[in-house]
Amino acid sequence: VTAAGSSAQQVVDQATEAGQKAMDQV
């Protein structure tokens, strides 16, 4: 459960970072 939670958090963090980069480019 802990490993799955960490993986899910990494996915969220990466998606957030990608979204922020896209917004910066716009």
mmCIF file of all heavy atoms, coordinates in Angstrom:
data_MODEL
# 
_entry.id   MODEL 
# 
loop_
_atom_site.group_PDB 
_atom_site.id 
_atom_site.type_symbol 
_atom_site.label_atom_id 
_atom_site.label_alt_id 
_atom_site.label_comp_id 
_atom_site.label_asym_id 
_atom_site.label_entity_id 
_atom_site.label_seq_id 
_atom_site.pdbx_PDB_ins_code 
_atom_site.Cartn_x 
_atom_site.Cartn_y 
_atom_site.Cartn_z 
_atom_site.occupancy 
_atom_site.B_iso_or_equiv 
_atom_site.pdbx_formal_charge 
_atom_site.auth_seq_id 
_atom_site.auth_comp_id 
_atom_site.auth_asym_id 
_atom_site.auth_atom_id 
_atom_site.pdbx_PDB_model_num 
ATOM 1   N N   . VAL A 1 1  ? 0.845  -1.206 0.000   1.00 0.00 ? 1  VAL A N   1 
ATOM 2   C CA  . VAL A 1 1  ? 0.000  0.000  0.000   1.00 0.00 ? 1  VAL A CA  1 
ATOM 3   C C   . VAL A 1 1  ? 0.874  1.247  0.000   1.00 0.00 ? 1  VAL A C   1 
ATOM 4   O O   . VAL A 1 1  ? 0.610  2.205  -0.734  1.00 0.00 ? 1  VAL A O   1 
ATOM 5   C CB  . VAL A 1 1  ? -0.954 -0.019 1.215   1.00 0.00 ? 1  VAL A CB  1 
ATOM 6   C CG1 . VAL A 1 1  ? -1.613 1.337  1.406   1.00 0.00 ? 1  VAL A CG1 1 
ATOM 7   C CG2 . VAL A 1 1  ? -2.000 -1.114 1.043   1.00 0.00 ? 1  VAL A CG2 1 
ATOM 8   N N   . THR A 1 2  ? 1.920  1.231  0.802   1.00 0.00 ? 2  THR A N   1 
ATOM 9   C CA  . THR A 1 2  ? 2.822  2.385  0.863   1.00 0.00 ? 2  THR A CA  1 
ATOM 10  C C   . THR A 1 2  ? 3.498  2.616  -0.489  1.00 0.00 ? 2  THR A C   1 
ATOM 11  O O   . THR A 1 2  ? 3.580  3.755  -0.970  1.00 0.00 ? 2  THR A O   1 
ATOM 12  C CB  . THR A 1 2  ? 3.882  2.177  1.960   1.00 0.00 ? 2  THR A CB  1 
ATOM 13  O OG1 . THR A 1 2  ? 3.212  2.021  3.215   1.00 0.00 ? 2  THR A OG1 1 
ATOM 14  C CG2 . THR A 1 2  ? 4.843  3.341  2.042   1.00 0.00 ? 2  THR A CG2 1 
ATOM 15  N N   . ALA A 1 3  ? 3.965  1.535  -1.114  1.00 0.00 ? 3  ALA A N   1 
ATOM 16  C CA  . ALA A 1 3  ? 4.616  1.656  -2.423  1.00 0.00 ? 3  ALA A CA  1 
ATOM 17  C C   . ALA A 1 3  ? 3.633  2.165  -3.474  1.00 0.00 ? 3  ALA A C   1 
ATOM 18  O O   . ALA A 1 3  ? 3.972  3.026  -4.291  1.00 0.00 ? 3  ALA A O   1 
ATOM 19  C CB  . ALA A 1 3  ? 5.197  0.310  -2.847  1.00 0.00 ? 3  ALA A CB  1 
ATOM 20  N N   . ALA A 1 4  ? 2.401  1.662  -3.441  1.00 0.00 ? 4  ALA A N   1 
ATOM 21  C CA  . ALA A 1 4  ? 1.388  2.109  -4.403  1.00 0.00 ? 4  ALA A CA  1 
ATOM 22  C C   . ALA A 1 4  ? 1.076  3.589  -4.186  1.00 0.00 ? 4  ALA A C   1 
ATOM 23  O O   . ALA A 1 4  ? 0.920  4.348  -5.147  1.00 0.00 ? 4  ALA A O   1 
ATOM 24  C CB  . ALA A 1 4  ? 0.124  1.269  -4.274  1.00 0.00 ? 4  ALA A CB  1 
ATOM 25  N N   . GLY A 1 5  ? 0.998  3.993  -2.926  1.00 0.00 ? 5  GLY A N   1 
ATOM 26  C CA  . GLY A 1 5  ? 0.744  5.405  -2.627  1.00 0.00 ? 5  GLY A CA  1 
ATOM 27  C C   . GLY A 1 5  ? 1.861  6.292  -3.126  1.00 0.00 ? 5  GLY A C   1 
ATOM 28  O O   . GLY A 1 5  ? 1.620  7.364  -3.683  1.00 0.00 ? 5  GLY A O   1 
ATOM 29  N N   . SER A 1 6  ? 3.091  5.845  -2.955  1.00 0.00 ? 6  SER A N   1 
ATOM 30  C CA  . SER A 1 6  ? 4.237  6.622  -3.434  1.00 0.00 ? 6  SER A CA  1 
ATOM 31  C C   . SER A 1 6  ? 4.225  6.728  -4.952  1.00 0.00 ? 6  SER A C   1 
ATOM 32  O O   . SER A 1 6  ? 4.487  7.801  -5.507  1.00 0.00 ? 6  SER A O   1 
ATOM 33  C CB  . SER A 1 6  ? 5.540  5.965  -2.978  1.00 0.00 ? 6  SER A CB  1 
ATOM 34  O OG  . SER A 1 6  ? 5.667  6.028  -1.581  1.00 0.00 ? 6  SER A OG  1 
ATOM 35  N N   . SER A 1 7  ? 3.905  5.633  -5.611  1.00 0.00 ? 7  SER A N   1 
ATOM 36  C CA  . SER A 1 7  ? 3.843  5.653  -7.073  1.00 0.00 ? 7  SER A CA  1 
ATOM 37  C C   . SER A 1 7  ? 2.741  6.580  -7.560  1.00 0.00 ? 7  SER A C   1 
ATOM 38  O O   . SER A 1 7  ? 2.935  7.346  -8.506  1.00 0.00 ? 7  SER A O   1 
ATOM 39  C CB  . SER A 1 7  ? 3.600  4.241  -7.609  1.00 0.00 ? 7  SER A CB  1 
ATOM 40  O OG  . SER A 1 7  ? 4.703  3.416  -7.323  1.00 0.00 ? 7  SER A OG  1 
ATOM 41  N N   . ALA A 1 8  ? 1.601  6.507  -6.905  1.00 0.00 ? 8  ALA A N   1 
ATOM 42  C CA  . ALA A 1 8  ? 0.496  7.384  -7.294  1.00 0.00 ? 8  ALA A CA  1 
ATOM 43  C C   . ALA A 1 8  ? 0.871  8.848  -7.090  1.00 0.00 ? 8  ALA A C   1 
ATOM 44  O O   . ALA A 1 8  ? 0.564  9.698  -7.927  1.00 0.00 ? 8  ALA A O   1 
ATOM 45  C CB  . ALA A 1 8  ? -0.759 7.039  -6.488  1.00 0.00 ? 8  ALA A CB  1 
ATOM 46  N N   . GLN A 1 9  ? 1.557  9.150  -6.009  1.00 0.00 ? 9  GLN A N   1 
ATOM 47  C CA  . GLN A 1 9  ? 1.972  10.532 -5.748  1.00 0.00 ? 9  GLN A CA  1 
ATOM 48  C C   . GLN A 1 9  ? 2.965  11.007 -6.804  1.00 0.00 ? 9  GLN A C   1 
ATOM 49  O O   . GLN A 1 9  ? 2.918  12.152 -7.243  1.00 0.00 ? 9  GLN A O   1 
ATOM 50  C CB  . GLN A 1 9  ? 2.589  10.660 -4.353  1.00 0.00 ? 9  GLN A CB  1 
ATOM 51  C CG  . GLN A 1 9  ? 2.910  12.086 -3.971  1.00 0.00 ? 9  GLN A CG  1 
ATOM 52  C CD  . GLN A 1 9  ? 1.695  12.989 -3.944  1.00 0.00 ? 9  GLN A CD  1 
ATOM 53  O OE1 . GLN A 1 9  ? 0.684  12.650 -3.352  1.00 0.00 ? 9  GLN A OE1 1 
ATOM 54  N NE2 . GLN A 1 9  ? 1.772  14.127 -4.608  1.00 0.00 ? 9  GLN A NE2 1 
ATOM 55  N N   . GLN A 1 10 ? 3.859  10.113 -7.230  1.00 0.00 ? 10 GLN A N   1 
ATOM 56  C CA  . GLN A 1 10 ? 4.815  10.484 -8.280  1.00 0.00 ? 10 GLN A CA  1 
ATOM 57  C C   . GLN A 1 10 ? 4.088  10.809 -9.581  1.00 0.00 ? 10 GLN A C   1 
ATOM 58  O O   . GLN A 1 10 ? 4.442  11.761 -10.276 1.00 0.00 ? 10 GLN A O   1 
ATOM 59  C CB  . GLN A 1 10 ? 5.825  9.358  -8.500  1.00 0.00 ? 10 GLN A CB  1 
ATOM 60  C CG  . GLN A 1 10 ? 6.833  9.219  -7.383  1.00 0.00 ? 10 GLN A CG  1 
ATOM 61  C CD  . GLN A 1 10 ? 7.766  8.025  -7.576  1.00 0.00 ? 10 GLN A CD  1 
ATOM 62  O OE1 . GLN A 1 10 ? 7.515  7.155  -8.408  1.00 0.00 ? 10 GLN A OE1 1 
ATOM 63  N NE2 . GLN A 1 10 ? 8.826  7.980  -6.794  1.00 0.00 ? 10 GLN A NE2 1 
ATOM 64  N N   . VAL A 1 11 ? 3.070  10.023 -9.902  1.00 0.00 ? 11 VAL A N   1 
ATOM 65  C CA  . VAL A 1 11 ? 2.298  10.277 -11.121 1.00 0.00 ? 11 VAL A CA  1 
ATOM 66  C C   . VAL A 1 11 ? 1.602  11.634 -11.023 1.00 0.00 ? 11 VAL A C   1 
ATOM 67  O O   . VAL A 1 11 ? 1.625  12.425 -11.967 1.00 0.00 ? 11 VAL A O   1 
ATOM 68  C CB  . VAL A 1 11 ? 1.271  9.139  -11.362 1.00 0.00 ? 11 VAL A CB  1 
ATOM 69  C CG1 . VAL A 1 11 ? 0.281  9.523  -12.454 1.00 0.00 ? 11 VAL A CG1 1 
ATOM 70  C CG2 . VAL A 1 11 ? 1.984  7.850  -11.726 1.00 0.00 ? 11 VAL A CG2 1 
ATOM 71  N N   . VAL A 1 12 ? 1.016  11.911 -9.881  1.00 0.00 ? 12 VAL A N   1 
ATOM 72  C CA  . VAL A 1 12 ? 0.343  13.202 -9.681  1.00 0.00 ? 12 VAL A CA  1 
ATOM 73  C C   . VAL A 1 12 ? 1.347  14.346 -9.794  1.00 0.00 ? 12 VAL A C   1 
ATOM 74  O O   . VAL A 1 12 ? 1.081  15.355 -10.454 1.00 0.00 ? 12 VAL A O   1 
ATOM 75  C CB  . VAL A 1 12 ? -0.378 13.227 -8.313  1.00 0.00 ? 12 VAL A CB  1 
ATOM 76  C CG1 . VAL A 1 12 ? -0.840 14.640 -7.969  1.00 0.00 ? 12 VAL A CG1 1 
ATOM 77  C CG2 . VAL A 1 12 ? -1.558 12.269 -8.309  1.00 0.00 ? 12 VAL A CG2 1 
ATOM 78  N N   . ASP A 1 13 ? 2.507  14.179 -9.162  1.00 0.00 ? 13 ASP A N   1 
ATOM 79  C CA  . ASP A 1 13 ? 3.531  15.225 -9.220  1.00 0.00 ? 13 ASP A CA  1 
ATOM 80  C C   . ASP A 1 13 ? 3.992  15.471 -10.651 1.00 0.00 ? 13 ASP A C   1 
ATOM 81  O O   . ASP A 1 13 ? 4.162  16.622 -11.073 1.00 0.00 ? 13 ASP A O   1 
ATOM 82  C CB  . ASP A 1 13 ? 4.730  14.851 -8.340  1.00 0.00 ? 13 ASP A CB  1 
ATOM 83  C CG  . ASP A 1 13 ? 4.406  14.878 -6.850  1.00 0.00 ? 13 ASP A CG  1 
ATOM 84  O OD1 . ASP A 1 13 ? 3.351  15.437 -6.470  1.00 0.00 ? 13 ASP A OD1 1 
ATOM 85  O OD2 . ASP A 1 13 ? 5.212  14.328 -6.067  1.00 0.00 ? 13 ASP A OD2 1 
ATOM 86  N N   . GLN A 1 14 ? 4.201  14.388 -11.406 1.00 0.00 ? 14 GLN A N   1 
ATOM 87  C CA  . GLN A 1 14 ? 4.651  14.536 -12.791 1.00 0.00 ? 14 GLN A CA  1 
ATOM 88  C C   . GLN A 1 14 ? 3.578  15.194 -13.653 1.00 0.00 ? 14 GLN A C   1 
ATOM 89  O O   . GLN A 1 14 ? 3.888  16.039 -14.490 1.00 0.00 ? 14 GLN A O   1 
ATOM 90  C CB  . GLN A 1 14 ? 5.049  13.175 -13.363 1.00 0.00 ? 14 GLN A CB  1 
ATOM 91  C CG  . GLN A 1 14 ? 6.332  12.636 -12.760 1.00 0.00 ? 14 GLN A CG  1 
ATOM 92  C CD  . GLN A 1 14 ? 6.639  11.213 -13.175 1.00 0.00 ? 14 GLN A CD  1 
ATOM 93  O OE1 . GLN A 1 14 ? 5.805  10.536 -13.775 1.00 0.00 ? 14 GLN A OE1 1 
ATOM 94  N NE2 . GLN A 1 14 ? 7.826  10.736 -12.849 1.00 0.00 ? 14 GLN A NE2 1 
ATOM 95  N N   . ALA A 1 15 ? 2.327  14.813 -13.424 1.00 0.00 ? 15 ALA A N   1 
ATOM 96  C CA  . ALA A 1 15 ? 1.241  15.428 -14.188 1.00 0.00 ? 15 ALA A CA  1 
ATOM 97  C C   . ALA A 1 15 ? 1.116  16.910 -13.847 1.00 0.00 ? 15 ALA A C   1 
ATOM 98  O O   . ALA A 1 15 ? 0.899  17.745 -14.732 1.00 0.00 ? 15 ALA A O   1 
ATOM 99  C CB  . ALA A 1 15 ? -0.076 14.702 -13.899 1.00 0.00 ? 15 ALA A CB  1 
ATOM 100 N N   . THR A 1 16 ? 1.275  17.232 -12.576 1.00 0.00 ? 16 THR A N   1 
ATOM 101 C CA  . THR A 1 16 ? 1.208  18.633 -12.153 1.00 0.00 ? 16 THR A CA  1 
ATOM 102 C C   . THR A 1 16 ? 2.339  19.430 -12.792 1.00 0.00 ? 16 THR A C   1 
ATOM 103 O O   . THR A 1 16 ? 2.125  20.548 -13.292 1.00 0.00 ? 16 THR A O   1 
ATOM 104 C CB  . THR A 1 16 ? 1.288  18.722 -10.616 1.00 0.00 ? 16 THR A CB  1 
ATOM 105 O OG1 . THR A 1 16 ? 0.196  17.995 -10.061 1.00 0.00 ? 16 THR A OG1 1 
ATOM 106 C CG2 . THR A 1 16 ? 1.240  20.154 -10.137 1.00 0.00 ? 16 THR A CG2 1 
ATOM 107 N N   . GLU A 1 17 ? 3.529  18.872 -12.784 1.00 0.00 ? 17 GLU A N   1 
ATOM 108 C CA  . GLU A 1 17 ? 4.682  19.559 -13.380 1.00 0.00 ? 17 GLU A CA  1 
ATOM 109 C C   . GLU A 1 17 ? 4.483  19.752 -14.878 1.00 0.00 ? 17 GLU A C   1 
ATOM 110 O O   . GLU A 1 17 ? 4.752  20.834 -15.417 1.00 0.00 ? 17 GLU A O   1 
ATOM 111 C CB  . GLU A 1 17 ? 5.951  18.750 -13.114 1.00 0.00 ? 17 GLU A CB  1 
ATOM 112 C CG  . GLU A 1 17 ? 7.207  19.421 -13.615 1.00 0.00 ? 17 GLU A CG  1 
ATOM 113 C CD  . GLU A 1 17 ? 8.473  18.632 -13.295 1.00 0.00 ? 17 GLU A CD  1 
ATOM 114 O OE1 . GLU A 1 17 ? 8.469  17.846 -12.323 1.00 0.00 ? 17 GLU A OE1 1 
ATOM 115 O OE2 . GLU A 1 17 ? 9.459  18.795 -14.030 1.00 0.00 ? 17 GLU A OE2 1 
ATOM 116 N N   . ALA A 1 18 ? 3.982  18.718 -15.552 1.00 0.00 ? 18 ALA A N   1 
ATOM 117 C CA  . ALA A 1 18 ? 3.746  18.827 -16.996 1.00 0.00 ? 18 ALA A CA  1 
ATOM 118 C C   . ALA A 1 18 ? 2.679  19.880 -17.281 1.00 0.00 ? 18 ALA A C   1 
ATOM 119 O O   . ALA A 1 18 ? 2.814  20.667 -18.221 1.00 0.00 ? 18 ALA A O   1 
ATOM 120 C CB  . ALA A 1 18 ? 3.319  17.469 -17.559 1.00 0.00 ? 18 ALA A CB  1 
ATOM 121 N N   . GLY A 1 19 ? 1.638  19.905 -16.471 1.00 0.00 ? 19 GLY A N   1 
ATOM 122 C CA  . GLY A 1 19 ? 0.591  20.912 -16.643 1.00 0.00 ? 19 GLY A CA  1 
ATOM 123 C C   . GLY A 1 19 ? 1.123  22.314 -16.430 1.00 0.00 ? 19 GLY A C   1 
ATOM 124 O O   . GLY A 1 19 ? 0.770  23.244 -17.160 1.00 0.00 ? 19 GLY A O   1 
ATOM 125 N N   . GLN A 1 20 ? 1.969  22.474 -15.437 1.00 0.00 ? 20 GLN A N   1 
ATOM 126 C CA  . GLN A 1 20 ? 2.548  23.791 -15.167 1.00 0.00 ? 20 GLN A CA  1 
ATOM 127 C C   . GLN A 1 20 ? 3.440  24.242 -16.315 1.00 0.00 ? 20 GLN A C   1 
ATOM 128 O O   . GLN A 1 20 ? 3.407  25.407 -16.723 1.00 0.00 ? 20 GLN A O   1 
ATOM 129 C CB  . GLN A 1 20 ? 3.348  23.768 -13.858 1.00 0.00 ? 20 GLN A CB  1 
ATOM 130 C CG  . GLN A 1 20 ? 3.882  25.128 -13.456 1.00 0.00 ? 20 GLN A CG  1 
ATOM 131 C CD  . GLN A 1 20 ? 2.782  26.151 -13.219 1.00 0.00 ? 20 GLN A CD  1 
ATOM 132 O OE1 . GLN A 1 20 ? 1.843  25.895 -12.505 1.00 0.00 ? 20 GLN A OE1 1 
ATOM 133 N NE2 . GLN A 1 20 ? 2.904  27.313 -13.833 1.00 0.00 ? 20 GLN A NE2 1 
ATOM 134 N N   . LYS A 1 21 ? 4.225  23.309 -16.862 1.00 0.00 ? 21 LYS A N   1 
ATOM 135 C CA  . LYS A 1 21 ? 5.079  23.652 -18.003 1.00 0.00 ? 21 LYS A CA  1 
ATOM 136 C C   . LYS A 1 21 ? 4.234  24.075 -19.203 1.00 0.00 ? 21 LYS A C   1 
ATOM 137 O O   . LYS A 1 21 ? 4.569  25.037 -19.902 1.00 0.00 ? 21 LYS A O   1 
ATOM 138 C CB  . LYS A 1 21 ? 5.971  22.474 -18.374 1.00 0.00 ? 21 LYS A CB  1 
ATOM 139 C CG  . LYS A 1 21 ? 7.116  22.261 -17.418 1.00 0.00 ? 21 LYS A CG  1 
ATOM 140 C CD  . LYS A 1 21 ? 8.000  21.089 -17.845 1.00 0.00 ? 21 LYS A CD  1 
ATOM 141 C CE  . LYS A 1 21 ? 9.134  20.876 -16.866 1.00 0.00 ? 21 LYS A CE  1 
ATOM 142 N NZ  . LYS A 1 21 ? 9.966  19.718 -17.235 1.00 0.00 ? 21 LYS A NZ  1 
ATOM 143 N N   . ALA A 1 22 ? 3.149  23.359 -19.425 1.00 0.00 ? 22 ALA A N   1 
ATOM 144 C CA  . ALA A 1 22 ? 2.267  23.705 -20.549 1.00 0.00 ? 22 ALA A CA  1 
ATOM 145 C C   . ALA A 1 22 ? 1.660  25.089 -20.344 1.00 0.00 ? 22 ALA A C   1 
ATOM 146 O O   . ALA A 1 22 ? 1.607  25.894 -21.281 1.00 0.00 ? 22 ALA A O   1 
ATOM 147 C CB  . ALA A 1 22 ? 1.169  22.651 -20.699 1.00 0.00 ? 22 ALA A CB  1 
ATOM 148 N N   . MET A 1 23 ? 1.222  25.368 -19.133 1.00 0.00 ? 23 MET A N   1 
ATOM 149 C CA  . MET A 1 23 ? 0.649  26.690 -18.849 1.00 0.00 ? 23 MET A CA  1 
ATOM 150 C C   . MET A 1 23 ? 1.704  27.788 -18.998 1.00 0.00 ? 23 MET A C   1 
ATOM 151 O O   . MET A 1 23 ? 1.408  28.873 -19.506 1.00 0.00 ? 23 MET A O   1 
ATOM 152 C CB  . MET A 1 23 ? 0.051  26.727 -17.441 1.00 0.00 ? 23 MET A CB  1 
ATOM 153 C CG  . MET A 1 23 ? -1.203 25.894 -17.294 1.00 0.00 ? 23 MET A CG  1 
ATOM 154 S SD  . MET A 1 23 ? -2.516 26.361 -18.436 1.00 0.00 ? 23 MET A SD  1 
ATOM 155 C CE  . MET A 1 23 ? -2.871 28.011 -17.874 1.00 0.00 ? 23 MET A CE  1 
ATOM 156 N N   . ASP A 1 24 ? 2.931  27.518 -18.585 1.00 0.00 ? 24 ASP A N   1 
ATOM 157 C CA  . ASP A 1 24 ? 4.014  28.494 -18.749 1.00 0.00 ? 24 ASP A CA  1 
ATOM 158 C C   . ASP A 1 24 ? 4.252  28.780 -20.225 1.00 0.00 ? 24 ASP A C   1 
ATOM 159 O O   . ASP A 1 24 ? 4.465  29.931 -20.618 1.00 0.00 ? 24 ASP A O   1 
ATOM 160 C CB  . ASP A 1 24 ? 5.300  27.984 -18.096 1.00 0.00 ? 24 ASP A CB  1 
ATOM 161 C CG  . ASP A 1 24 ? 5.232  27.974 -16.576 1.00 0.00 ? 24 ASP A CG  1 
ATOM 162 O OD1 . ASP A 1 24 ? 4.304  28.587 -16.002 1.00 0.00 ? 24 ASP A OD1 1 
ATOM 163 O OD2 . ASP A 1 24 ? 6.112  27.333 -15.965 1.00 0.00 ? 24 ASP A OD2 1 
ATOM 164 N N   . GLN A 1 25 ? 4.209  27.728 -21.058 1.00 0.00 ? 25 GLN A N   1 
ATOM 165 C CA  . GLN A 1 25 ? 4.423  27.915 -22.494 1.00 0.00 ? 25 GLN A CA  1 
ATOM 166 C C   . GLN A 1 25 ? 3.291  28.730 -23.111 1.00 0.00 ? 25 GLN A C   1 
ATOM 167 O O   . GLN A 1 25 ? 3.529  29.587 -23.955 1.00 0.00 ? 25 GLN A O   1 
ATOM 168 C CB  . GLN A 1 25 ? 4.553  26.553 -23.188 1.00 0.00 ? 25 GLN A CB  1 
ATOM 169 C CG  . GLN A 1 25 ? 5.858  25.849 -22.860 1.00 0.00 ? 25 GLN A CG  1 
ATOM 170 C CD  . GLN A 1 25 ? 5.929  24.451 -23.450 1.00 0.00 ? 25 GLN A CD  1 
ATOM 171 O OE1 . GLN A 1 25 ? 4.934  23.891 -23.878 1.00 0.00 ? 25 GLN A OE1 1 
ATOM 172 N NE2 . GLN A 1 25 ? 7.124  23.870 -23.445 1.00 0.00 ? 25 GLN A NE2 1 
ATOM 173 N N   . VAL A 1 26 ? 2.050  28.456 -22.681 1.00 0.00 ? 26 VAL A N   1 
ATOM 174 C CA  . VAL A 1 26 ? 0.908  29.219 -23.196 1.00 0.00 ? 26 VAL A CA  1 
ATOM 175 C C   . VAL A 1 26 ? 1.036  30.689 -22.795 1.00 0.00 ? 26 VAL A C   1 
ATOM 176 O O   . VAL A 1 26 ? 0.819  31.591 -23.612 1.00 0.00 ? 26 VAL A O   1 
ATOM 177 C CB  . VAL A 1 26 ? -0.420 28.621 -22.681 1.00 0.00 ? 26 VAL A CB  1 
ATOM 178 C CG1 . VAL A 1 26 ? -1.587 29.556 -22.943 1.00 0.00 ? 26 VAL A CG1 1 
ATOM 179 C CG2 . VAL A 1 26 ? -0.678 27.269 -23.325 1.00 0.00 ? 26 VAL A CG2 1 
# 
